[in-house]
Structures are given as structure tokens and as C-alpha cells.
N, C-alpha and C. Protein backbone atom coordinates (compact mmCIF):
# COMPACT_ATOMS: atom_id res chain seq x y z
N MET A 1 -39.61 -18.76 -19.70
CA MET A 1 -38.59 -19.13 -18.74
C MET A 1 -37.22 -19.11 -19.39
N GLY A 2 -36.24 -18.79 -18.58
CA GLY A 2 -34.88 -18.77 -19.07
C GLY A 2 -34.44 -17.45 -19.67
N SER A 3 -35.34 -16.45 -19.68
CA SER A 3 -34.94 -15.15 -20.22
C SER A 3 -33.91 -14.49 -19.31
N ARG A 4 -32.95 -13.84 -19.93
CA ARG A 4 -31.92 -13.10 -19.20
C ARG A 4 -32.35 -11.64 -19.19
N VAL A 5 -32.43 -11.04 -18.01
CA VAL A 5 -32.89 -9.66 -17.87
C VAL A 5 -31.78 -8.82 -17.23
N ASP A 6 -31.41 -7.75 -17.91
CA ASP A 6 -30.47 -6.77 -17.36
C ASP A 6 -31.31 -5.61 -16.86
N PHE A 7 -31.08 -5.17 -15.64
CA PHE A 7 -31.87 -4.07 -15.09
C PHE A 7 -31.02 -3.19 -14.19
N ARG A 8 -31.55 -1.99 -13.94
CA ARG A 8 -30.88 -1.02 -13.07
C ARG A 8 -31.82 -0.68 -11.92
N ASP A 9 -31.26 -0.64 -10.72
CA ASP A 9 -31.98 -0.14 -9.55
C ASP A 9 -31.79 1.37 -9.59
N ASN A 10 -32.85 2.11 -9.87
CA ASN A 10 -32.73 3.55 -10.06
C ASN A 10 -32.33 4.30 -8.79
N SER A 11 -32.59 3.72 -7.60
CA SER A 11 -32.19 4.42 -6.37
C SER A 11 -30.70 4.34 -6.11
N THR A 12 -30.08 3.24 -6.51
CA THR A 12 -28.65 3.06 -6.23
C THR A 12 -27.79 3.17 -7.48
N GLY A 13 -28.40 3.04 -8.65
CA GLY A 13 -27.65 3.03 -9.90
C GLY A 13 -27.03 1.68 -10.21
N ARG A 14 -27.21 0.72 -9.32
CA ARG A 14 -26.61 -0.61 -9.49
C ARG A 14 -27.28 -1.35 -10.64
N MET A 15 -26.45 -1.93 -11.51
CA MET A 15 -26.97 -2.73 -12.62
C MET A 15 -26.75 -4.21 -12.31
N GLN A 16 -27.70 -5.02 -12.73
CA GLN A 16 -27.64 -6.44 -12.43
C GLN A 16 -28.23 -7.22 -13.60
N SER A 17 -27.80 -8.45 -13.74
CA SER A 17 -28.30 -9.33 -14.78
C SER A 17 -28.72 -10.64 -14.13
N VAL A 18 -29.95 -11.08 -14.40
CA VAL A 18 -30.45 -12.32 -13.82
C VAL A 18 -31.14 -13.14 -14.90
N THR A 19 -31.23 -14.44 -14.66
CA THR A 19 -32.00 -15.33 -15.52
C THR A 19 -33.24 -15.76 -14.74
N LEU A 20 -34.42 -15.59 -15.34
CA LEU A 20 -35.67 -15.96 -14.69
C LEU A 20 -35.94 -17.44 -14.91
N VAL A 21 -36.14 -18.17 -13.80
CA VAL A 21 -36.29 -19.63 -13.86
C VAL A 21 -37.42 -20.10 -12.96
N TYR A 22 -37.79 -21.37 -13.11
CA TYR A 22 -38.74 -22.00 -12.20
C TYR A 22 -38.08 -22.17 -10.84
N PRO A 23 -38.87 -22.26 -9.77
CA PRO A 23 -38.30 -22.34 -8.41
C PRO A 23 -37.25 -23.43 -8.22
N GLY A 24 -37.44 -24.60 -8.79
CA GLY A 24 -36.50 -25.70 -8.61
C GLY A 24 -35.15 -25.49 -9.28
N GLU A 25 -35.07 -24.50 -10.16
CA GLU A 25 -33.83 -24.23 -10.89
C GLU A 25 -33.09 -23.01 -10.33
N ALA A 26 -33.68 -22.34 -9.35
CA ALA A 26 -33.09 -21.10 -8.82
C ALA A 26 -31.74 -21.36 -8.16
N ASP A 27 -30.80 -20.47 -8.42
CA ASP A 27 -29.47 -20.52 -7.82
C ASP A 27 -28.90 -19.10 -7.88
N ILE A 28 -29.04 -18.37 -6.80
CA ILE A 28 -28.66 -16.96 -6.78
C ILE A 28 -27.19 -16.76 -7.11
N GLU A 29 -26.34 -17.71 -6.74
CA GLU A 29 -24.91 -17.59 -7.03
C GLU A 29 -24.63 -17.62 -8.53
N GLN A 30 -25.52 -18.28 -9.29
CA GLN A 30 -25.38 -18.33 -10.75
C GLN A 30 -26.26 -17.29 -11.44
N GLY A 31 -26.91 -16.44 -10.64
CA GLY A 31 -27.76 -15.40 -11.21
C GLY A 31 -29.10 -15.91 -11.69
N LYS A 32 -29.51 -17.10 -11.22
CA LYS A 32 -30.80 -17.68 -11.60
C LYS A 32 -31.81 -17.38 -10.51
N VAL A 33 -32.84 -16.60 -10.86
CA VAL A 33 -33.82 -16.12 -9.89
C VAL A 33 -35.18 -16.73 -10.20
N SER A 34 -35.82 -17.28 -9.19
CA SER A 34 -37.15 -17.87 -9.35
C SER A 34 -38.17 -16.78 -9.68
N ILE A 35 -39.11 -17.13 -10.55
CA ILE A 35 -40.19 -16.20 -10.88
C ILE A 35 -41.15 -16.01 -9.72
N LEU A 36 -41.03 -16.84 -8.69
CA LEU A 36 -41.90 -16.71 -7.52
C LEU A 36 -41.30 -15.83 -6.43
N THR A 37 -40.06 -15.36 -6.61
CA THR A 37 -39.47 -14.42 -5.65
C THR A 37 -40.00 -13.03 -5.99
N PRO A 38 -39.93 -12.11 -5.04
CA PRO A 38 -40.41 -10.75 -5.33
C PRO A 38 -39.73 -10.11 -6.55
N ILE A 39 -38.43 -10.26 -6.67
CA ILE A 39 -37.73 -9.65 -7.81
C ILE A 39 -38.07 -10.35 -9.12
N GLY A 40 -38.18 -11.69 -9.08
CA GLY A 40 -38.55 -12.44 -10.28
C GLY A 40 -39.95 -12.09 -10.75
N ALA A 41 -40.88 -12.02 -9.81
CA ALA A 41 -42.26 -11.66 -10.15
C ALA A 41 -42.35 -10.24 -10.69
N ALA A 42 -41.51 -9.34 -10.16
CA ALA A 42 -41.52 -7.95 -10.62
C ALA A 42 -41.01 -7.83 -12.05
N LEU A 43 -40.02 -8.63 -12.42
CA LEU A 43 -39.37 -8.49 -13.73
C LEU A 43 -40.06 -9.27 -14.85
N ILE A 44 -40.79 -10.33 -14.51
CA ILE A 44 -41.35 -11.18 -15.56
C ILE A 44 -42.33 -10.38 -16.44
N GLY A 45 -42.17 -10.54 -17.73
CA GLY A 45 -43.07 -9.90 -18.68
C GLY A 45 -42.70 -8.48 -19.07
N LEU A 46 -41.68 -7.89 -18.45
CA LEU A 46 -41.29 -6.53 -18.80
C LEU A 46 -40.40 -6.52 -20.03
N SER A 47 -40.42 -5.42 -20.75
CA SER A 47 -39.59 -5.23 -21.95
C SER A 47 -38.56 -4.14 -21.69
N LYS A 48 -37.58 -4.06 -22.59
CA LYS A 48 -36.54 -3.04 -22.49
C LYS A 48 -37.18 -1.65 -22.37
N GLY A 49 -36.67 -0.87 -21.41
CA GLY A 49 -37.15 0.49 -21.19
C GLY A 49 -38.29 0.60 -20.19
N GLN A 50 -38.94 -0.51 -19.86
CA GLN A 50 -40.03 -0.45 -18.88
C GLN A 50 -39.47 -0.41 -17.47
N SER A 51 -40.22 0.25 -16.58
CA SER A 51 -39.83 0.33 -15.17
C SER A 51 -40.96 -0.20 -14.31
N ILE A 52 -40.59 -0.62 -13.10
CA ILE A 52 -41.59 -1.11 -12.15
C ILE A 52 -41.12 -0.76 -10.75
N ASP A 53 -42.09 -0.43 -9.90
CA ASP A 53 -41.77 -0.22 -8.49
C ASP A 53 -41.78 -1.59 -7.82
N TRP A 54 -40.76 -1.84 -7.03
CA TRP A 54 -40.56 -3.15 -6.42
C TRP A 54 -40.34 -2.97 -4.93
N ALA A 55 -41.06 -3.75 -4.13
CA ALA A 55 -40.91 -3.70 -2.67
C ALA A 55 -39.86 -4.72 -2.24
N THR A 56 -38.82 -4.26 -1.57
CA THR A 56 -37.78 -5.17 -1.08
C THR A 56 -38.31 -5.95 0.12
N ARG A 57 -37.54 -6.91 0.56
CA ARG A 57 -37.96 -7.71 1.73
C ARG A 57 -38.05 -6.86 2.99
N THR A 58 -37.34 -5.73 3.01
CA THR A 58 -37.38 -4.84 4.17
C THR A 58 -38.52 -3.84 4.09
N GLY A 59 -39.29 -3.89 2.99
CA GLY A 59 -40.42 -3.00 2.83
C GLY A 59 -40.10 -1.70 2.09
N GLU A 60 -38.84 -1.52 1.72
CA GLU A 60 -38.44 -0.33 0.97
C GLU A 60 -38.90 -0.47 -0.48
N THR A 61 -39.40 0.61 -1.07
CA THR A 61 -39.83 0.57 -2.46
C THR A 61 -38.72 1.13 -3.34
N ARG A 62 -38.41 0.39 -4.39
CA ARG A 62 -37.38 0.81 -5.34
C ARG A 62 -37.95 0.72 -6.74
N ARG A 63 -37.43 1.54 -7.63
CA ARG A 63 -37.83 1.49 -9.03
C ARG A 63 -36.73 0.79 -9.82
N LEU A 64 -37.13 -0.25 -10.56
CA LEU A 64 -36.21 -1.00 -11.41
C LEU A 64 -36.54 -0.69 -12.87
N THR A 65 -35.50 -0.49 -13.67
CA THR A 65 -35.68 -0.24 -15.10
C THR A 65 -34.98 -1.34 -15.89
N VAL A 66 -35.71 -1.95 -16.81
CA VAL A 66 -35.15 -3.02 -17.64
C VAL A 66 -34.29 -2.40 -18.74
N LEU A 67 -33.04 -2.86 -18.81
CA LEU A 67 -32.09 -2.37 -19.81
C LEU A 67 -32.04 -3.26 -21.04
N ALA A 68 -32.26 -4.57 -20.85
CA ALA A 68 -32.23 -5.52 -21.97
C ALA A 68 -32.91 -6.82 -21.53
N VAL A 69 -33.49 -7.50 -22.50
CA VAL A 69 -34.07 -8.83 -22.27
C VAL A 69 -33.59 -9.72 -23.40
N ARG A 70 -32.99 -10.84 -23.02
CA ARG A 70 -32.56 -11.83 -24.01
C ARG A 70 -33.38 -13.09 -23.77
N GLU A 71 -34.14 -13.47 -24.77
CA GLU A 71 -34.99 -14.65 -24.66
C GLU A 71 -34.15 -15.91 -24.59
N ALA A 72 -34.69 -16.92 -23.92
CA ALA A 72 -33.99 -18.20 -23.79
C ALA A 72 -33.90 -18.88 -25.15
N ALA A 73 -32.78 -19.53 -25.38
CA ALA A 73 -32.60 -20.31 -26.61
C ALA A 73 -32.82 -21.78 -26.27
N PHE A 74 -33.91 -22.33 -26.75
CA PHE A 74 -34.21 -23.73 -26.48
C PHE A 74 -33.78 -24.59 -27.65
N ALA A 75 -33.16 -25.72 -27.32
CA ALA A 75 -32.69 -26.63 -28.38
C ALA A 75 -33.80 -27.56 -28.82
């Protein structure tokens, strides 16, 4: 939990950075995405360079490619 993932939507070329969190910590405005959302579940466990096909809420399939993963720093 707490990993920061940079990824690209290969259909649009759009790049995005999100932090994967537990549902109670999710806040899309801060880029914190729950691991139980479709995008969070798609990205969890992937490494740099890996791609995954992801179904949007509208049913469209998109391919996401992970550009970087930064592990959470716990104190």
C-alpha cells in the first residue's frame, strides 16, 4: 500500500500518476486510488514496463503501461 504508480493509457497517450491506497484513504483529488476500484485493481502488483488491459466503467478496453513504481516509505 502507498506505492506511487506512473502509467500511460496507450489509446490516448495520457500519462497519470496515482497512489494505491486502502478504500478508506482514497481521495481522487489527491491522486489516491483505492485498490478496490477497477484502475487500482488493474495496477496493483505490476512493475515498470508491464502492461495490462483494463475495462473502463463504460465497458471500453484500454491498455495501460506502467512507467514507474515508487514504493511507499514507511516511518
